[in-house]
Amino acid sequence: MSDVSYDEVNLLLRLYDMRREPQIRKARAWFTEHFHPESPDEMMQKYPQGSEENTYIRMVISYWEMVGSIVNRGLIDDELFFESNGEIWVVWDRMRAVVPIWRSAFRNPLLFSNIEEVCKRLEAWREKRAPGSTAAMRQMLGESKIKSH
């Protein structure tokens, strides 16, 4: 176990508290249940600009991109964060298929790179502690995707 500071714990608790805000909680619940785009075009057809669902998508992704930025800067110890924050990985898993197209469309190769970088380290950390767990989670999420369609 790594040493963590009071400030890191306090920041982690503040981020958790933000997740409890009713609107972001509703957005997170919708996102994990319904967001399964195969392409950006499909996403825009299903969840056009101005729709409540589009707002949910932007809320969830921007929240986790902000959190990823904080973690990537070392303001919260990786292990401390990883022990209680698997949702960022679920968000990345749902969006990773469309991110390369978004990056190309916006001519921004770093778009959502904070989420991606945290998730790479999270997967390595998880696999070291529980080999095969990432594949098992992807399989479980794939099965829940089929059920929600």
N, C-alpha and C. Protein backbone atom coordinates (compact mmCIF):
# COMPACT_ATOMS: atom_id res chain seq x y z
N MET A 1 0.84 -1.18 0.00
CA MET A 1 0.00 0.00 0.00
C MET A 1 0.88 1.24 0.00
N SER A 2 0.48 2.18 -0.78
CA SER A 2 1.25 3.42 -0.85
C SER A 2 0.77 4.40 0.21
N ASP A 3 1.64 5.33 0.54
CA ASP A 3 1.26 6.38 1.48
C ASP A 3 0.44 7.42 0.74
N VAL A 4 -0.62 7.86 1.38
CA VAL A 4 -1.45 8.90 0.80
C VAL A 4 -1.61 10.02 1.82
N SER A 5 -1.82 11.20 1.31
CA SER A 5 -1.96 12.35 2.20
C SER A 5 -3.43 12.59 2.52
N TYR A 6 -3.63 13.35 3.57
CA TYR A 6 -4.96 13.77 3.94
C TYR A 6 -5.60 14.52 2.78
N ASP A 7 -4.84 15.36 2.09
CA ASP A 7 -5.38 16.13 0.97
C ASP A 7 -5.87 15.22 -0.16
N GLU A 8 -5.14 14.13 -0.42
CA GLU A 8 -5.57 13.19 -1.47
C GLU A 8 -6.89 12.52 -1.07
N VAL A 9 -6.98 12.10 0.17
CA VAL A 9 -8.21 11.47 0.65
C VAL A 9 -9.36 12.47 0.59
N ASN A 10 -9.12 13.68 1.02
CA ASN A 10 -10.15 14.71 1.01
C ASN A 10 -10.62 15.00 -0.42
N LEU A 11 -9.69 15.10 -1.35
CA LEU A 11 -10.06 15.34 -2.74
C LEU A 11 -10.87 14.17 -3.29
N LEU A 12 -10.45 12.95 -2.99
CA LEU A 12 -11.20 11.78 -3.44
C LEU A 12 -12.63 11.80 -2.90
N LEU A 13 -12.77 12.16 -1.64
CA LEU A 13 -14.11 12.24 -1.05
C LEU A 13 -14.94 13.36 -1.67
N ARG A 14 -14.32 14.46 -2.01
CA ARG A 14 -15.04 15.56 -2.68
C ARG A 14 -15.52 15.12 -4.06
N LEU A 15 -14.67 14.39 -4.79
CA LEU A 15 -15.08 13.89 -6.11
C LEU A 15 -16.24 12.91 -5.98
N TYR A 16 -16.18 12.07 -4.94
CA TYR A 16 -17.27 11.14 -4.70
C TYR A 16 -18.55 11.90 -4.38
N ASP A 17 -18.43 12.92 -3.57
CA ASP A 17 -19.59 13.72 -3.22
C ASP A 17 -20.22 14.36 -4.46
N MET A 18 -19.38 14.81 -5.40
CA MET A 18 -19.90 15.38 -6.66
C MET A 18 -20.72 14.34 -7.42
N ARG A 19 -20.30 13.10 -7.37
CA ARG A 19 -21.01 12.02 -8.08
C ARG A 19 -22.39 11.78 -7.51
N ARG A 20 -22.62 12.22 -6.28
CA ARG A 20 -23.90 12.00 -5.62
C ARG A 20 -24.93 13.06 -5.95
N GLU A 21 -24.51 14.13 -6.63
CA GLU A 21 -25.45 15.18 -7.02
C GLU A 21 -26.54 14.54 -7.88
N PRO A 22 -27.82 14.85 -7.63
CA PRO A 22 -28.91 14.12 -8.30
C PRO A 22 -28.84 14.08 -9.83
N GLN A 23 -28.50 15.18 -10.47
CA GLN A 23 -28.50 15.19 -11.94
C GLN A 23 -27.37 14.33 -12.51
N ILE A 24 -26.18 14.40 -11.93
CA ILE A 24 -25.09 13.56 -12.44
C ILE A 24 -25.35 12.09 -12.10
N ARG A 25 -25.98 11.84 -10.98
CA ARG A 25 -26.34 10.46 -10.62
C ARG A 25 -27.31 9.88 -11.66
N LYS A 26 -28.29 10.69 -12.04
CA LYS A 26 -29.24 10.26 -13.06
C LYS A 26 -28.53 10.03 -14.40
N ALA A 27 -27.63 10.94 -14.76
CA ALA A 27 -26.88 10.80 -16.00
C ALA A 27 -26.00 9.55 -15.99
N ARG A 28 -25.34 9.30 -14.86
CA ARG A 28 -24.48 8.11 -14.75
C ARG A 28 -25.30 6.83 -14.87
N ALA A 29 -26.44 6.80 -14.24
CA ALA A 29 -27.30 5.61 -14.32
C ALA A 29 -27.76 5.37 -15.75
N TRP A 30 -28.16 6.44 -16.43
CA TRP A 30 -28.58 6.29 -17.82
C TRP A 30 -27.41 5.81 -18.67
N PHE A 31 -26.26 6.43 -18.51
CA PHE A 31 -25.09 6.12 -19.33
C PHE A 31 -24.71 4.65 -19.20
N THR A 32 -24.60 4.15 -17.98
CA THR A 32 -24.18 2.76 -17.81
C THR A 32 -25.21 1.76 -18.33
N GLU A 33 -26.46 2.15 -18.33
CA GLU A 33 -27.51 1.25 -18.81
C GLU A 33 -27.73 1.32 -20.32
N HIS A 34 -27.61 2.51 -20.91
CA HIS A 34 -28.06 2.70 -22.28
C HIS A 34 -27.02 3.10 -23.31
N PHE A 35 -25.86 3.56 -22.90
CA PHE A 35 -24.89 4.07 -23.86
C PHE A 35 -24.04 2.94 -24.41
N HIS A 36 -24.37 2.53 -25.63
CA HIS A 36 -23.65 1.45 -26.31
C HIS A 36 -23.47 1.77 -27.80
N PRO A 37 -22.89 2.92 -28.14
CA PRO A 37 -22.82 3.28 -29.56
C PRO A 37 -21.80 2.42 -30.32
N GLU A 38 -22.15 2.10 -31.55
CA GLU A 38 -21.21 1.39 -32.42
C GLU A 38 -20.42 2.39 -33.25
N SER A 39 -20.97 3.60 -33.39
CA SER A 39 -20.31 4.64 -34.19
C SER A 39 -20.81 6.01 -33.73
N PRO A 40 -20.05 7.06 -34.04
CA PRO A 40 -20.54 8.42 -33.73
C PRO A 40 -21.84 8.75 -34.47
N ASP A 41 -21.98 8.25 -35.70
CA ASP A 41 -23.21 8.50 -36.44
C ASP A 41 -24.42 7.91 -35.73
N GLU A 42 -24.27 6.67 -35.28
CA GLU A 42 -25.35 6.03 -34.53
C GLU A 42 -25.66 6.83 -33.26
N MET A 43 -24.61 7.27 -32.59
CA MET A 43 -24.79 8.05 -31.37
C MET A 43 -25.58 9.32 -31.65
N MET A 44 -25.21 10.04 -32.72
CA MET A 44 -25.90 11.29 -33.02
C MET A 44 -27.34 11.06 -33.48
N GLN A 45 -27.59 9.94 -34.13
CA GLN A 45 -28.97 9.62 -34.52
C GLN A 45 -29.81 9.32 -33.29
N LYS A 46 -29.28 8.53 -32.37
CA LYS A 46 -30.02 8.14 -31.18
C LYS A 46 -30.09 9.27 -30.15
N TYR A 47 -29.01 10.04 -30.05
CA TYR A 47 -28.89 11.04 -28.99
C TYR A 47 -28.45 12.38 -29.57
N PRO A 48 -29.32 13.03 -30.34
CA PRO A 48 -28.93 14.28 -31.02
C PRO A 48 -28.66 15.42 -30.05
N GLN A 49 -27.91 16.42 -30.54
CA GLN A 49 -27.65 17.63 -29.76
C GLN A 49 -28.97 18.17 -29.23
N GLY A 50 -28.95 18.59 -27.99
CA GLY A 50 -30.15 19.16 -27.39
C GLY A 50 -31.02 18.14 -26.68
N SER A 51 -30.79 16.85 -26.91
CA SER A 51 -31.60 15.83 -26.24
C SER A 51 -31.09 15.63 -24.81
N GLU A 52 -31.97 15.14 -23.98
CA GLU A 52 -31.58 14.87 -22.59
C GLU A 52 -30.46 13.83 -22.55
N GLU A 53 -30.54 12.85 -23.42
CA GLU A 53 -29.52 11.80 -23.46
C GLU A 53 -28.15 12.36 -23.85
N ASN A 54 -28.13 13.28 -24.81
CA ASN A 54 -26.87 13.91 -25.21
C ASN A 54 -26.27 14.68 -24.03
N THR A 55 -27.13 15.34 -23.28
CA THR A 55 -26.67 16.05 -22.09
C THR A 55 -26.07 15.08 -21.09
N TYR A 56 -26.73 13.94 -20.88
CA TYR A 56 -26.21 12.92 -19.97
C TYR A 56 -24.83 12.44 -20.42
N ILE A 57 -24.68 12.17 -21.70
CA ILE A 57 -23.40 11.70 -22.24
C ILE A 57 -22.31 12.72 -21.94
N ARG A 58 -22.58 13.97 -22.25
CA ARG A 58 -21.57 15.02 -22.02
C ARG A 58 -21.26 15.19 -20.54
N MET A 59 -22.27 15.09 -19.68
CA MET A 59 -22.04 15.22 -18.24
C MET A 59 -21.13 14.11 -17.72
N VAL A 60 -21.42 12.89 -18.11
CA VAL A 60 -20.65 11.74 -17.61
C VAL A 60 -19.23 11.77 -18.14
N ILE A 61 -19.08 11.96 -19.44
CA ILE A 61 -17.73 11.95 -20.02
C ILE A 61 -16.91 13.12 -19.50
N SER A 62 -17.49 14.30 -19.41
CA SER A 62 -16.71 15.45 -18.93
C SER A 62 -16.34 15.29 -17.46
N TYR A 63 -17.24 14.71 -16.65
CA TYR A 63 -16.91 14.46 -15.24
C TYR A 63 -15.69 13.54 -15.14
N TRP A 64 -15.73 12.42 -15.85
CA TRP A 64 -14.63 11.46 -15.74
C TRP A 64 -13.36 11.97 -16.41
N GLU A 65 -13.46 12.79 -17.44
CA GLU A 65 -12.27 13.39 -18.04
C GLU A 65 -11.62 14.34 -17.03
N MET A 66 -12.42 15.09 -16.29
CA MET A 66 -11.90 15.97 -15.25
C MET A 66 -11.21 15.15 -14.16
N VAL A 67 -11.86 14.10 -13.71
CA VAL A 67 -11.28 13.24 -12.68
C VAL A 67 -9.98 12.62 -13.20
N GLY A 68 -9.98 12.16 -14.44
CA GLY A 68 -8.77 11.59 -15.03
C GLY A 68 -7.63 12.59 -15.04
N SER A 69 -7.92 13.82 -15.33
CA SER A 69 -6.91 14.87 -15.33
C SER A 69 -6.30 15.04 -13.94
N ILE A 70 -7.13 15.00 -12.93
CA ILE A 70 -6.66 15.13 -11.54
C ILE A 70 -5.78 13.95 -11.17
N VAL A 71 -6.21 12.75 -11.50
CA VAL A 71 -5.43 11.55 -11.17
C VAL A 71 -4.12 11.52 -11.97
N ASN A 72 -4.18 11.85 -13.25
CA ASN A 72 -2.98 11.83 -14.09
C ASN A 72 -1.93 12.83 -13.62
N ARG A 73 -2.34 13.88 -12.97
CA ARG A 73 -1.39 14.87 -12.45
C ARG A 73 -0.81 14.46 -11.09
N GLY A 74 -1.24 13.31 -10.59
CA GLY A 74 -0.71 12.82 -9.33
C GLY A 74 -1.31 13.46 -8.10
N LEU A 75 -2.46 14.13 -8.26
CA LEU A 75 -3.09 14.77 -7.11
C LEU A 75 -3.83 13.77 -6.23
N ILE A 76 -4.10 12.60 -6.79
CA ILE A 76 -4.65 11.48 -6.03
C ILE A 76 -3.82 10.26 -6.41
N ASP A 77 -3.36 9.56 -5.41
CA ASP A 77 -2.58 8.34 -5.61
C ASP A 77 -3.37 7.34 -6.45
N ASP A 78 -2.70 6.75 -7.46
CA ASP A 78 -3.37 5.78 -8.33
C ASP A 78 -4.05 4.67 -7.54
N GLU A 79 -3.31 4.03 -6.66
CA GLU A 79 -3.87 2.89 -5.93
C GLU A 79 -5.08 3.30 -5.10
N LEU A 80 -4.98 4.42 -4.42
CA LEU A 80 -6.12 4.91 -3.65
C LEU A 80 -7.34 5.10 -4.55
N PHE A 81 -7.11 5.70 -5.71
CA PHE A 81 -8.21 5.93 -6.66
C PHE A 81 -8.75 4.61 -7.20
N PHE A 82 -7.86 3.71 -7.61
CA PHE A 82 -8.28 2.46 -8.24
C PHE A 82 -9.08 1.56 -7.31
N GLU A 83 -8.76 1.61 -6.03
CA GLU A 83 -9.44 0.74 -5.07
C GLU A 83 -10.94 1.00 -4.98
N SER A 84 -11.38 2.19 -5.35
CA SER A 84 -12.80 2.49 -5.18
C SER A 84 -13.44 3.18 -6.38
N ASN A 85 -12.80 3.13 -7.55
CA ASN A 85 -13.35 3.84 -8.70
C ASN A 85 -13.24 3.02 -9.98
N GLY A 86 -14.11 2.06 -10.14
CA GLY A 86 -14.14 1.28 -11.37
C GLY A 86 -15.03 1.87 -12.44
N GLU A 87 -15.87 2.81 -12.07
CA GLU A 87 -16.82 3.36 -13.04
C GLU A 87 -16.13 4.06 -14.20
N ILE A 88 -15.00 4.70 -13.94
CA ILE A 88 -14.28 5.37 -15.02
C ILE A 88 -13.92 4.36 -16.11
N TRP A 89 -13.59 3.14 -15.71
CA TRP A 89 -13.25 2.10 -16.67
C TRP A 89 -14.48 1.70 -17.49
N VAL A 90 -15.63 1.61 -16.85
CA VAL A 90 -16.87 1.27 -17.56
C VAL A 90 -17.18 2.36 -18.59
N VAL A 91 -17.01 3.61 -18.19
CA VAL A 91 -17.24 4.72 -19.11
C VAL A 91 -16.30 4.62 -20.30
N TRP A 92 -15.02 4.38 -20.04
CA TRP A 92 -14.05 4.25 -21.14
C TRP A 92 -14.41 3.06 -22.03
N ASP A 93 -14.78 1.95 -21.43
CA ASP A 93 -15.12 0.77 -22.22
C ASP A 93 -16.29 1.05 -23.16
N ARG A 94 -17.25 1.84 -22.70
CA ARG A 94 -18.41 2.18 -23.52
C ARG A 94 -18.07 3.14 -24.64
N MET A 95 -17.08 4.00 -24.43
CA MET A 95 -16.82 5.05 -25.42
C MET A 95 -15.60 4.78 -26.29
N ARG A 96 -14.79 3.80 -25.94
CA ARG A 96 -13.50 3.62 -26.62
C ARG A 96 -13.63 3.32 -28.12
N ALA A 97 -14.71 2.72 -28.54
CA ALA A 97 -14.88 2.41 -29.96
C ALA A 97 -15.10 3.66 -30.81
N VAL A 98 -15.68 4.68 -30.22
CA VAL A 98 -15.98 5.90 -31.00
C VAL A 98 -14.94 7.00 -30.81
N VAL A 99 -14.10 6.89 -29.81
CA VAL A 99 -13.12 7.95 -29.54
C VAL A 99 -12.17 8.20 -30.71
N PRO A 100 -11.64 7.19 -31.39
CA PRO A 100 -10.75 7.49 -32.52
C PRO A 100 -11.43 8.34 -33.61
N ILE A 101 -12.69 8.11 -33.83
CA ILE A 101 -13.42 8.88 -34.84
C ILE A 101 -13.64 10.30 -34.34
N TRP A 102 -13.98 10.46 -33.05
CA TRP A 102 -14.11 11.80 -32.47
C TRP A 102 -12.80 12.55 -32.57
N ARG A 103 -11.71 11.88 -32.26
CA ARG A 103 -10.40 12.53 -32.30
C ARG A 103 -10.08 13.01 -33.71
N SER A 104 -10.41 12.20 -34.67
CA SER A 104 -10.18 12.58 -36.07
C SER A 104 -11.09 13.74 -36.46
N ALA A 105 -12.36 13.64 -36.15
CA ALA A 105 -13.32 14.67 -36.53
C ALA A 105 -12.98 16.03 -35.92
N PHE A 106 -12.51 16.03 -34.67
CA PHE A 106 -12.17 17.28 -33.99
C PHE A 106 -10.71 17.66 -34.15
N ARG A 107 -9.98 16.83 -34.93
CA ARG A 107 -8.54 17.07 -35.13
C ARG A 107 -7.81 17.27 -33.81
N ASN A 108 -8.16 16.40 -32.87
CA ASN A 108 -7.59 16.48 -31.53
C ASN A 108 -7.20 15.08 -31.07
N PRO A 109 -5.93 14.70 -31.28
CA PRO A 109 -5.51 13.35 -30.90
C PRO A 109 -5.50 13.12 -29.39
N LEU A 110 -5.67 14.17 -28.61
CA LEU A 110 -5.65 14.03 -27.15
C LEU A 110 -7.04 14.04 -26.52
N LEU A 111 -8.08 14.13 -27.36
CA LEU A 111 -9.45 14.16 -26.85
C LEU A 111 -9.71 12.94 -25.97
N PHE A 112 -10.14 13.18 -24.77
CA PHE A 112 -10.46 12.14 -23.78
C PHE A 112 -9.25 11.29 -23.38
N SER A 113 -8.07 11.84 -23.56
CA SER A 113 -6.86 11.08 -23.22
C SER A 113 -6.69 10.91 -21.72
N ASN A 114 -7.28 11.77 -20.92
CA ASN A 114 -7.17 11.59 -19.47
C ASN A 114 -7.89 10.34 -19.01
N ILE A 115 -9.08 10.11 -19.51
CA ILE A 115 -9.81 8.89 -19.17
C ILE A 115 -9.01 7.68 -19.66
N GLU A 116 -8.56 7.73 -20.90
CA GLU A 116 -7.83 6.61 -21.48
C GLU A 116 -6.57 6.27 -20.68
N GLU A 117 -5.79 7.28 -20.31
CA GLU A 117 -4.55 7.03 -19.58
C GLU A 117 -4.81 6.43 -18.20
N VAL A 118 -5.77 6.96 -17.49
CA VAL A 118 -6.11 6.39 -16.18
C VAL A 118 -6.53 4.94 -16.34
N CYS A 119 -7.33 4.67 -17.35
CA CYS A 119 -7.84 3.31 -17.54
C CYS A 119 -6.75 2.33 -17.93
N LYS A 120 -5.76 2.77 -18.67
CA LYS A 120 -4.62 1.88 -18.98
C LYS A 120 -3.92 1.46 -17.69
N ARG A 121 -3.67 2.42 -16.81
CA ARG A 121 -3.02 2.11 -15.54
C ARG A 121 -3.93 1.27 -14.64
N LEU A 122 -5.22 1.59 -14.66
CA LEU A 122 -6.19 0.83 -13.86
C LEU A 122 -6.22 -0.63 -14.30
N GLU A 123 -6.24 -0.87 -15.60
CA GLU A 123 -6.24 -2.24 -16.09
C GLU A 123 -4.98 -2.98 -15.68
N ALA A 124 -3.82 -2.33 -15.81
CA ALA A 124 -2.55 -2.97 -15.42
C ALA A 124 -2.56 -3.28 -13.93
N TRP A 125 -3.02 -2.34 -13.11
CA TRP A 125 -3.11 -2.54 -11.67
C TRP A 125 -4.04 -3.70 -11.34
N ARG A 126 -5.21 -3.71 -11.98
CA ARG A 126 -6.20 -4.75 -11.72
C ARG A 126 -5.68 -6.12 -12.15
N GLU A 127 -5.07 -6.18 -13.32
CA GLU A 127 -4.56 -7.46 -13.83
C GLU A 127 -3.43 -8.01 -12.95
N LYS A 128 -2.65 -7.13 -12.39
CA LYS A 128 -1.59 -7.57 -11.47
C LYS A 128 -2.19 -8.21 -10.23
N ARG A 129 -3.26 -7.62 -9.74
CA ARG A 129 -3.93 -8.12 -8.52
C ARG A 129 -4.88 -9.27 -8.79
N ALA A 130 -5.53 -9.25 -9.96
CA ALA A 130 -6.55 -10.26 -10.28
C ALA A 130 -6.48 -10.57 -11.78
N PRO A 131 -5.52 -11.39 -12.19
CA PRO A 131 -5.37 -11.69 -13.62
C PRO A 131 -6.67 -12.22 -14.24
N GLY A 132 -6.99 -11.70 -15.41
CA GLY A 132 -8.19 -12.11 -16.13
C GLY A 132 -9.43 -11.31 -15.78
N SER A 133 -9.33 -10.44 -14.80
CA SER A 133 -10.52 -9.71 -14.37
C SER A 133 -11.02 -8.71 -15.41
N THR A 134 -10.11 -8.12 -16.18
CA THR A 134 -10.54 -7.16 -17.20
C THR A 134 -11.36 -7.86 -18.28
N ALA A 135 -10.89 -8.99 -18.74
CA ALA A 135 -11.63 -9.75 -19.76
C ALA A 135 -12.99 -10.18 -19.22
N ALA A 136 -13.02 -10.60 -17.96
CA ALA A 136 -14.29 -11.02 -17.35
C ALA A 136 -15.27 -9.85 -17.28
N MET A 137 -14.74 -8.68 -16.93
CA MET A 137 -15.62 -7.50 -16.86
C MET A 137 -16.13 -7.12 -18.24
N ARG A 138 -15.25 -7.17 -19.25
CA ARG A 138 -15.71 -6.86 -20.61
C ARG A 138 -16.79 -7.83 -21.06
N GLN A 139 -16.62 -9.09 -20.72
CA GLN A 139 -17.63 -10.09 -21.09
C GLN A 139 -18.95 -9.78 -20.38
N MET A 140 -18.88 -9.49 -19.10
CA MET A 140 -20.09 -9.18 -18.34
C MET A 140 -20.78 -7.93 -18.90
N LEU A 141 -20.00 -6.91 -19.23
CA LEU A 141 -20.58 -5.69 -19.80
C LEU A 141 -21.18 -5.95 -21.17
N GLY A 142 -20.53 -6.81 -21.95
CA GLY A 142 -21.06 -7.17 -23.26
C GLY A 142 -22.39 -7.88 -23.14
N GLU A 143 -22.52 -8.74 -22.14
CA GLU A 143 -23.78 -9.43 -21.91
C GLU A 143 -24.86 -8.48 -21.45
N SER A 144 -24.51 -7.49 -20.63
CA SER A 144 -25.52 -6.53 -20.18
C SER A 144 -25.94 -5.63 -21.33
N LYS A 145 -25.03 -5.38 -22.27
CA LYS A 145 -25.36 -4.58 -23.46
C LYS A 145 -26.44 -5.29 -24.28
N ILE A 146 -26.28 -6.58 -24.46
CA ILE A 146 -27.24 -7.36 -25.24
C ILE A 146 -28.61 -7.33 -24.56
N LYS A 147 -28.64 -7.45 -23.25
CA LYS A 147 -29.91 -7.44 -22.50
C LYS A 147 -30.61 -6.09 -22.57
N SER A 148 -29.84 -5.01 -22.64
CA SER A 148 -30.47 -3.68 -22.62
C SER A 148 -30.98 -3.25 -23.99
N HIS A 149 -30.59 -3.96 -25.04
CA HIS A 149 -31.08 -3.60 -26.39
C HIS A 149 -32.43 -4.17 -26.66
